[in-house]
Amino acid sequence: MLMALVPLRAAAQVEDAIEQWLQEDVAEEQAAAAVDMMTHLNYEPVNINDTAAARDLPLMTPFRYRALCNYITLYGQLLSTKELVLIPGFDSVTVVLMSSMVKAEPYNGDARLRWWQGHHSVVTGINGTV
């Protein structure tokens, strides 16, 4: 029962943040763009394992982004969005607020990036590298 209320609470907090933002004399176009982006993210959440796409999330600060990238490099891809609380900078409130905007699915990514991160095997033989 409590888990069913968490997304509603997060949605109410997001709406409160948008209302507060509107009261701070933010241009209507920016506010409309923010509401559109939040609506889009609720219908099409970003895969948190795709760090390039996760960089542009509303609550993603540079510190959180670096911590997310380091975590994925050290421990592998996230299996669940609840795993975000294990990463420095992601407290439980942030994870609840982001829960409707992100999902955790396997991501293959760019082969060059996977090579750079150490996800490779090289076999050498008499005739050269395979």
N, C-alpha and C. Protein backbone atom coordinates (compact mmCIF):
# COMPACT_ATOMS: atom_id res chain seq x y z
N MET A 1 0.83 -1.19 0.00
CA MET A 1 0.00 0.00 0.00
C MET A 1 0.87 1.25 0.00
N LEU A 2 1.91 1.25 0.84
CA LEU A 2 2.79 2.41 0.93
C LEU A 2 3.53 2.65 -0.38
N MET A 3 3.96 1.57 -1.05
CA MET A 3 4.69 1.72 -2.31
C MET A 3 3.82 2.35 -3.39
N ALA A 4 2.53 2.14 -3.33
CA ALA A 4 1.63 2.73 -4.31
C ALA A 4 1.55 4.24 -4.13
N LEU A 5 1.79 4.74 -2.92
CA LEU A 5 1.70 6.16 -2.65
C LEU A 5 2.97 6.91 -3.00
N VAL A 6 4.10 6.20 -3.11
CA VAL A 6 5.38 6.87 -3.36
C VAL A 6 5.38 7.65 -4.66
N PRO A 7 4.95 7.08 -5.81
CA PRO A 7 4.95 7.88 -7.03
C PRO A 7 4.02 9.09 -6.95
N LEU A 8 2.88 8.96 -6.26
CA LEU A 8 1.99 10.10 -6.12
C LEU A 8 2.64 11.20 -5.30
N ARG A 9 3.36 10.81 -4.26
CA ARG A 9 4.06 11.79 -3.43
C ARG A 9 5.15 12.47 -4.25
N ALA A 10 5.88 11.69 -5.04
CA ALA A 10 6.94 12.27 -5.87
C ALA A 10 6.34 13.23 -6.89
N ALA A 11 5.22 12.85 -7.48
CA ALA A 11 4.57 13.72 -8.46
C ALA A 11 4.11 15.02 -7.80
N ALA A 12 3.61 14.93 -6.58
CA ALA A 12 3.19 16.14 -5.86
C ALA A 12 4.38 17.03 -5.55
N GLN A 13 5.52 16.44 -5.22
CA GLN A 13 6.73 17.22 -4.94
C GLN A 13 7.24 17.90 -6.21
N VAL A 14 7.15 17.21 -7.33
CA VAL A 14 7.57 17.80 -8.59
C VAL A 14 6.65 18.97 -8.94
N GLU A 15 5.34 18.78 -8.76
CA GLU A 15 4.39 19.87 -9.02
C GLU A 15 4.65 21.06 -8.11
N ASP A 16 4.95 20.80 -6.83
CA ASP A 16 5.27 21.88 -5.89
C ASP A 16 6.52 22.63 -6.33
N ALA A 17 7.53 21.88 -6.80
CA ALA A 17 8.77 22.52 -7.26
C ALA A 17 8.49 23.39 -8.48
N ILE A 18 7.65 22.91 -9.39
CA ILE A 18 7.33 23.70 -10.58
C ILE A 18 6.54 24.95 -10.19
N GLU A 19 5.60 24.82 -9.26
CA GLU A 19 4.85 26.00 -8.80
C GLU A 19 5.78 27.02 -8.15
N GLN A 20 6.71 26.55 -7.33
CA GLN A 20 7.66 27.47 -6.69
C GLN A 20 8.52 28.15 -7.75
N TRP A 21 8.90 27.39 -8.75
CA TRP A 21 9.72 27.93 -9.83
C TRP A 21 8.94 29.03 -10.57
N LEU A 22 7.65 28.77 -10.79
CA LEU A 22 6.81 29.76 -11.47
C LEU A 22 6.67 31.03 -10.64
N GLN A 23 6.63 30.91 -9.33
CA GLN A 23 6.49 32.07 -8.47
C GLN A 23 7.76 32.91 -8.43
N GLU A 24 8.87 32.36 -8.88
CA GLU A 24 10.13 33.09 -8.88
C GLU A 24 10.34 33.85 -10.19
N ASP A 25 9.27 34.22 -10.86
CA ASP A 25 9.30 35.02 -12.08
C ASP A 25 10.11 34.38 -13.21
N VAL A 26 9.96 33.10 -13.39
CA VAL A 26 10.60 32.41 -14.50
C VAL A 26 9.73 32.61 -15.73
N ALA A 27 10.35 32.78 -16.86
CA ALA A 27 9.60 33.01 -18.10
C ALA A 27 8.64 31.85 -18.36
N GLU A 28 7.48 32.19 -18.88
CA GLU A 28 6.46 31.17 -19.14
C GLU A 28 6.94 30.11 -20.12
N GLU A 29 7.75 30.52 -21.10
CA GLU A 29 8.26 29.55 -22.07
C GLU A 29 9.14 28.50 -21.39
N GLN A 30 9.98 28.95 -20.46
CA GLN A 30 10.85 28.01 -19.74
C GLN A 30 10.03 27.08 -18.87
N ALA A 31 9.01 27.62 -18.23
CA ALA A 31 8.15 26.80 -17.38
C ALA A 31 7.39 25.78 -18.22
N ALA A 32 6.88 26.20 -19.36
CA ALA A 32 6.17 25.28 -20.24
C ALA A 32 7.10 24.19 -20.76
N ALA A 33 8.33 24.56 -21.08
CA ALA A 33 9.31 23.57 -21.54
C ALA A 33 9.62 22.57 -20.44
N ALA A 34 9.73 23.04 -19.20
CA ALA A 34 10.01 22.15 -18.07
C ALA A 34 8.86 21.18 -17.85
N VAL A 35 7.64 21.68 -17.92
CA VAL A 35 6.48 20.82 -17.74
C VAL A 35 6.41 19.79 -18.87
N ASP A 36 6.68 20.22 -20.11
CA ASP A 36 6.68 19.29 -21.24
C ASP A 36 7.74 18.21 -21.06
N MET A 37 8.94 18.61 -20.60
CA MET A 37 10.01 17.65 -20.42
C MET A 37 9.64 16.63 -19.33
N MET A 38 9.07 17.12 -18.21
CA MET A 38 8.68 16.21 -17.13
C MET A 38 7.58 15.25 -17.59
N THR A 39 6.65 15.74 -18.36
CA THR A 39 5.59 14.89 -18.89
C THR A 39 6.16 13.83 -19.82
N HIS A 40 7.08 14.25 -20.69
CA HIS A 40 7.73 13.33 -21.62
C HIS A 40 8.50 12.25 -20.86
N LEU A 41 9.23 12.65 -19.82
CA LEU A 41 10.02 11.69 -19.04
C LEU A 41 9.13 10.73 -18.27
N ASN A 42 7.95 11.16 -17.87
CA ASN A 42 7.04 10.25 -17.18
C ASN A 42 6.52 9.17 -18.13
N TYR A 43 6.34 9.51 -19.41
CA TYR A 43 5.85 8.53 -20.38
C TYR A 43 6.97 7.73 -21.01
N GLU A 44 8.14 8.32 -21.15
CA GLU A 44 9.29 7.64 -21.74
C GLU A 44 10.51 7.85 -20.85
N PRO A 45 10.64 7.05 -19.79
CA PRO A 45 11.77 7.23 -18.88
C PRO A 45 13.11 6.94 -19.56
N VAL A 46 14.15 7.58 -19.07
CA VAL A 46 15.51 7.43 -19.59
C VAL A 46 16.15 6.22 -18.94
N ASN A 47 16.87 5.44 -19.72
CA ASN A 47 17.63 4.31 -19.18
C ASN A 47 18.83 4.87 -18.42
N ILE A 48 18.88 4.66 -17.13
CA ILE A 48 19.93 5.23 -16.29
C ILE A 48 21.29 4.63 -16.62
N ASN A 49 21.33 3.45 -17.24
CA ASN A 49 22.60 2.84 -17.64
C ASN A 49 23.18 3.49 -18.90
N ASP A 50 22.38 4.24 -19.61
CA ASP A 50 22.87 5.03 -20.75
C ASP A 50 23.30 6.38 -20.19
N THR A 51 24.56 6.47 -19.78
CA THR A 51 25.02 7.66 -19.07
C THR A 51 24.97 8.92 -19.92
N ALA A 52 25.08 8.77 -21.24
CA ALA A 52 25.00 9.96 -22.11
C ALA A 52 23.60 10.56 -22.03
N ALA A 53 22.58 9.73 -22.02
CA ALA A 53 21.20 10.23 -21.92
C ALA A 53 20.88 10.69 -20.50
N ALA A 54 21.45 10.02 -19.52
CA ALA A 54 21.18 10.37 -18.11
C ALA A 54 21.78 11.72 -17.73
N ARG A 55 22.77 12.17 -18.46
CA ARG A 55 23.42 13.45 -18.16
C ARG A 55 22.43 14.61 -18.21
N ASP A 56 21.42 14.53 -19.06
CA ASP A 56 20.48 15.63 -19.26
C ASP A 56 19.25 15.57 -18.37
N LEU A 57 19.20 14.64 -17.43
CA LEU A 57 18.04 14.56 -16.53
C LEU A 57 17.97 15.80 -15.64
N PRO A 58 16.77 16.23 -15.28
CA PRO A 58 16.61 17.46 -14.50
C PRO A 58 17.35 17.47 -13.16
N LEU A 59 17.37 16.38 -12.43
CA LEU A 59 18.00 16.37 -11.12
C LEU A 59 19.44 15.88 -11.15
N MET A 60 19.99 15.71 -12.35
CA MET A 60 21.36 15.20 -12.47
C MET A 60 22.36 16.34 -12.40
N THR A 61 23.06 16.43 -11.28
CA THR A 61 24.11 17.44 -11.12
C THR A 61 25.42 16.87 -11.65
N PRO A 62 26.42 17.70 -11.89
CA PRO A 62 27.72 17.17 -12.33
C PRO A 62 28.31 16.15 -11.34
N PHE A 63 28.14 16.40 -10.04
CA PHE A 63 28.65 15.46 -9.04
C PHE A 63 27.94 14.12 -9.13
N ARG A 64 26.62 14.15 -9.23
CA ARG A 64 25.85 12.91 -9.34
C ARG A 64 26.20 12.16 -10.63
N TYR A 65 26.38 12.92 -11.70
CA TYR A 65 26.72 12.28 -12.98
C TYR A 65 28.06 11.55 -12.89
N ARG A 66 29.07 12.22 -12.33
CA ARG A 66 30.39 11.57 -12.18
C ARG A 66 30.29 10.35 -11.27
N ALA A 67 29.53 10.47 -10.18
CA ALA A 67 29.37 9.34 -9.26
C ALA A 67 28.66 8.17 -9.95
N LEU A 68 27.64 8.47 -10.77
CA LEU A 68 26.94 7.42 -11.51
C LEU A 68 27.89 6.72 -12.48
N CYS A 69 28.65 7.49 -13.23
CA CYS A 69 29.61 6.90 -14.19
C CYS A 69 30.64 6.04 -13.47
N ASN A 70 31.17 6.53 -12.34
CA ASN A 70 32.15 5.76 -11.57
C ASN A 70 31.53 4.47 -11.05
N TYR A 71 30.30 4.54 -10.56
CA TYR A 71 29.63 3.35 -10.03
C TYR A 71 29.45 2.30 -11.12
N ILE A 72 28.99 2.74 -12.30
CA ILE A 72 28.78 1.79 -13.40
C ILE A 72 30.11 1.19 -13.85
N THR A 73 31.17 1.98 -13.86
CA THR A 73 32.48 1.48 -14.25
C THR A 73 32.99 0.44 -13.24
N LEU A 74 32.81 0.71 -11.95
CA LEU A 74 33.31 -0.19 -10.90
C LEU A 74 32.46 -1.44 -10.72
N TYR A 75 31.14 -1.29 -10.70
CA TYR A 75 30.26 -2.39 -10.32
C TYR A 75 29.40 -2.93 -11.46
N GLY A 76 29.42 -2.28 -12.59
CA GLY A 76 28.57 -2.72 -13.70
C GLY A 76 27.25 -1.95 -13.71
N GLN A 77 26.43 -2.28 -14.66
CA GLN A 77 25.17 -1.56 -14.85
C GLN A 77 24.22 -1.79 -13.69
N LEU A 78 23.37 -0.81 -13.46
CA LEU A 78 22.37 -0.91 -12.40
C LEU A 78 21.31 -1.90 -12.80
N LEU A 79 20.87 -2.72 -11.85
CA LEU A 79 19.83 -3.69 -12.11
C LEU A 79 18.45 -3.13 -11.80
N SER A 80 18.41 -2.11 -10.94
CA SER A 80 17.16 -1.49 -10.54
C SER A 80 17.43 -0.02 -10.23
N THR A 81 16.41 0.80 -10.37
CA THR A 81 16.58 2.22 -10.03
C THR A 81 16.76 2.41 -8.53
N LYS A 82 16.33 1.44 -7.74
CA LYS A 82 16.51 1.52 -6.29
C LYS A 82 17.98 1.44 -5.90
N GLU A 83 18.81 0.93 -6.80
CA GLU A 83 20.25 0.85 -6.57
C GLU A 83 20.91 2.23 -6.54
N LEU A 84 20.22 3.24 -7.03
CA LEU A 84 20.76 4.60 -7.05
C LEU A 84 21.11 5.10 -5.65
N VAL A 85 20.40 4.65 -4.62
CA VAL A 85 20.68 5.12 -3.26
C VAL A 85 22.07 4.70 -2.79
N LEU A 86 22.69 3.73 -3.45
CA LEU A 86 24.04 3.29 -3.09
C LEU A 86 25.12 4.21 -3.64
N ILE A 87 24.73 5.13 -4.52
CA ILE A 87 25.69 6.02 -5.18
C ILE A 87 25.75 7.34 -4.42
N PRO A 88 26.95 7.84 -4.13
CA PRO A 88 27.07 9.13 -3.43
C PRO A 88 26.33 10.23 -4.19
N GLY A 89 25.60 11.06 -3.45
CA GLY A 89 24.85 12.16 -4.05
C GLY A 89 23.40 11.84 -4.32
N PHE A 90 23.05 10.57 -4.34
CA PHE A 90 21.67 10.15 -4.57
C PHE A 90 21.06 9.73 -3.23
N ASP A 91 20.35 10.65 -2.59
CA ASP A 91 19.67 10.29 -1.36
C ASP A 91 18.29 9.71 -1.69
N SER A 92 17.58 9.25 -0.68
CA SER A 92 16.30 8.58 -0.93
C SER A 92 15.27 9.53 -1.55
N VAL A 93 15.30 10.81 -1.17
CA VAL A 93 14.34 11.77 -1.74
C VAL A 93 14.62 11.97 -3.23
N THR A 94 15.88 12.11 -3.59
CA THR A 94 16.25 12.27 -5.00
C THR A 94 15.85 11.05 -5.81
N VAL A 95 16.07 9.87 -5.27
CA VAL A 95 15.72 8.64 -5.98
C VAL A 95 14.21 8.55 -6.18
N VAL A 96 13.42 8.93 -5.17
CA VAL A 96 11.96 8.92 -5.30
C VAL A 96 11.53 9.92 -6.37
N LEU A 97 12.13 11.11 -6.36
CA LEU A 97 11.78 12.11 -7.37
C LEU A 97 12.15 11.67 -8.78
N MET A 98 13.26 10.93 -8.90
CA MET A 98 13.71 10.48 -10.21
C MET A 98 13.04 9.18 -10.66
N SER A 99 12.34 8.51 -9.75
CA SER A 99 11.83 7.18 -10.06
C SER A 99 10.88 7.15 -11.25
N SER A 100 10.15 8.21 -11.48
CA SER A 100 9.24 8.21 -12.63
C SER A 100 9.94 8.64 -13.91
N MET A 101 11.17 9.14 -13.80
CA MET A 101 11.90 9.64 -14.97
C MET A 101 12.93 8.67 -15.51
N VAL A 102 13.29 7.65 -14.72
CA VAL A 102 14.36 6.74 -15.13
C VAL A 102 13.92 5.30 -15.03
N LYS A 103 14.62 4.45 -15.76
CA LYS A 103 14.45 3.01 -15.69
C LYS A 103 15.84 2.39 -15.75
N ALA A 104 15.97 1.16 -15.32
CA ALA A 104 17.25 0.46 -15.37
C ALA A 104 17.10 -0.76 -16.26
N GLU A 105 17.68 -0.67 -17.45
CA GLU A 105 17.66 -1.77 -18.41
C GLU A 105 19.06 -1.98 -18.92
N PRO A 106 19.39 -3.18 -19.38
CA PRO A 106 20.72 -3.41 -19.94
C PRO A 106 20.98 -2.47 -21.11
N TYR A 107 22.21 -1.98 -21.18
CA TYR A 107 22.58 -1.05 -22.25
C TYR A 107 23.94 -1.46 -22.78
N ASN A 108 24.04 -1.67 -24.08
CA ASN A 108 25.30 -2.08 -24.69
C ASN A 108 26.21 -0.89 -24.95
N GLY A 109 25.63 0.20 -25.42
CA GLY A 109 26.41 1.41 -25.63
C GLY A 109 27.36 1.32 -26.81
N ASP A 110 28.25 2.26 -26.84
CA ASP A 110 29.24 2.38 -27.90
C ASP A 110 30.38 1.40 -27.63
N ALA A 111 30.77 0.65 -28.63
CA ALA A 111 31.84 -0.35 -28.47
C ALA A 111 33.16 0.31 -28.07
N ARG A 112 33.43 1.51 -28.58
CA ARG A 112 34.68 2.20 -28.20
C ARG A 112 34.68 2.53 -26.72
N LEU A 113 33.53 2.95 -26.18
CA LEU A 113 33.43 3.26 -24.77
C LEU A 113 33.61 1.99 -23.93
N ARG A 114 33.01 0.88 -24.37
CA ARG A 114 33.16 -0.37 -23.64
C ARG A 114 34.61 -0.81 -23.63
N TRP A 115 35.34 -0.60 -24.72
CA TRP A 115 36.76 -0.95 -24.79
C TRP A 115 37.54 -0.10 -23.78
N TRP A 116 37.25 1.19 -23.76
CA TRP A 116 37.94 2.11 -22.86
C TRP A 116 37.67 1.76 -21.40
N GLN A 117 36.47 1.29 -21.08
CA GLN A 117 36.11 0.95 -19.71
C GLN A 117 36.63 -0.42 -19.28
N GLY A 118 37.28 -1.13 -20.21
CA GLY A 118 37.88 -2.41 -19.83
C GLY A 118 37.01 -3.62 -20.12
N HIS A 119 35.92 -3.45 -20.85
CA HIS A 119 35.04 -4.57 -21.19
C HIS A 119 35.49 -5.16 -22.54
N HIS A 120 36.58 -5.91 -22.52
CA HIS A 120 37.11 -6.46 -23.76
C HIS A 120 37.97 -7.67 -23.46
N SER A 121 38.30 -8.41 -24.50
CA SER A 121 39.30 -9.46 -24.40
C SER A 121 40.13 -9.44 -25.67
N VAL A 122 41.41 -9.62 -25.50
CA VAL A 122 42.31 -9.62 -26.63
C VAL A 122 43.05 -10.96 -26.61
N VAL A 123 43.07 -11.61 -27.75
CA VAL A 123 43.77 -12.86 -27.88
C VAL A 123 44.87 -12.67 -28.90
N THR A 124 46.08 -13.04 -28.55
CA THR A 124 47.18 -12.91 -29.50
C THR A 124 47.69 -14.28 -29.86
N GLY A 125 48.23 -14.38 -31.05
CA GLY A 125 48.79 -15.65 -31.52
C GLY A 125 50.00 -15.38 -32.38
N ILE A 126 50.48 -16.41 -33.05
CA ILE A 126 51.66 -16.30 -33.88
C ILE A 126 51.45 -15.30 -35.02
N ASN A 127 50.27 -15.30 -35.60
CA ASN A 127 49.99 -14.44 -36.75
C ASN A 127 49.52 -13.05 -36.36
N GLY A 128 49.46 -12.72 -35.09
CA GLY A 128 49.04 -11.37 -34.68
C GLY A 128 47.86 -11.39 -33.74
N THR A 129 47.27 -10.23 -33.59
CA THR A 129 46.16 -10.07 -32.66
C THR A 129 44.86 -10.51 -33.31
N VAL A 130 44.05 -11.20 -32.58
CA VAL A 130 42.76 -11.65 -33.07
C VAL A 130 41.69 -10.73 -32.56
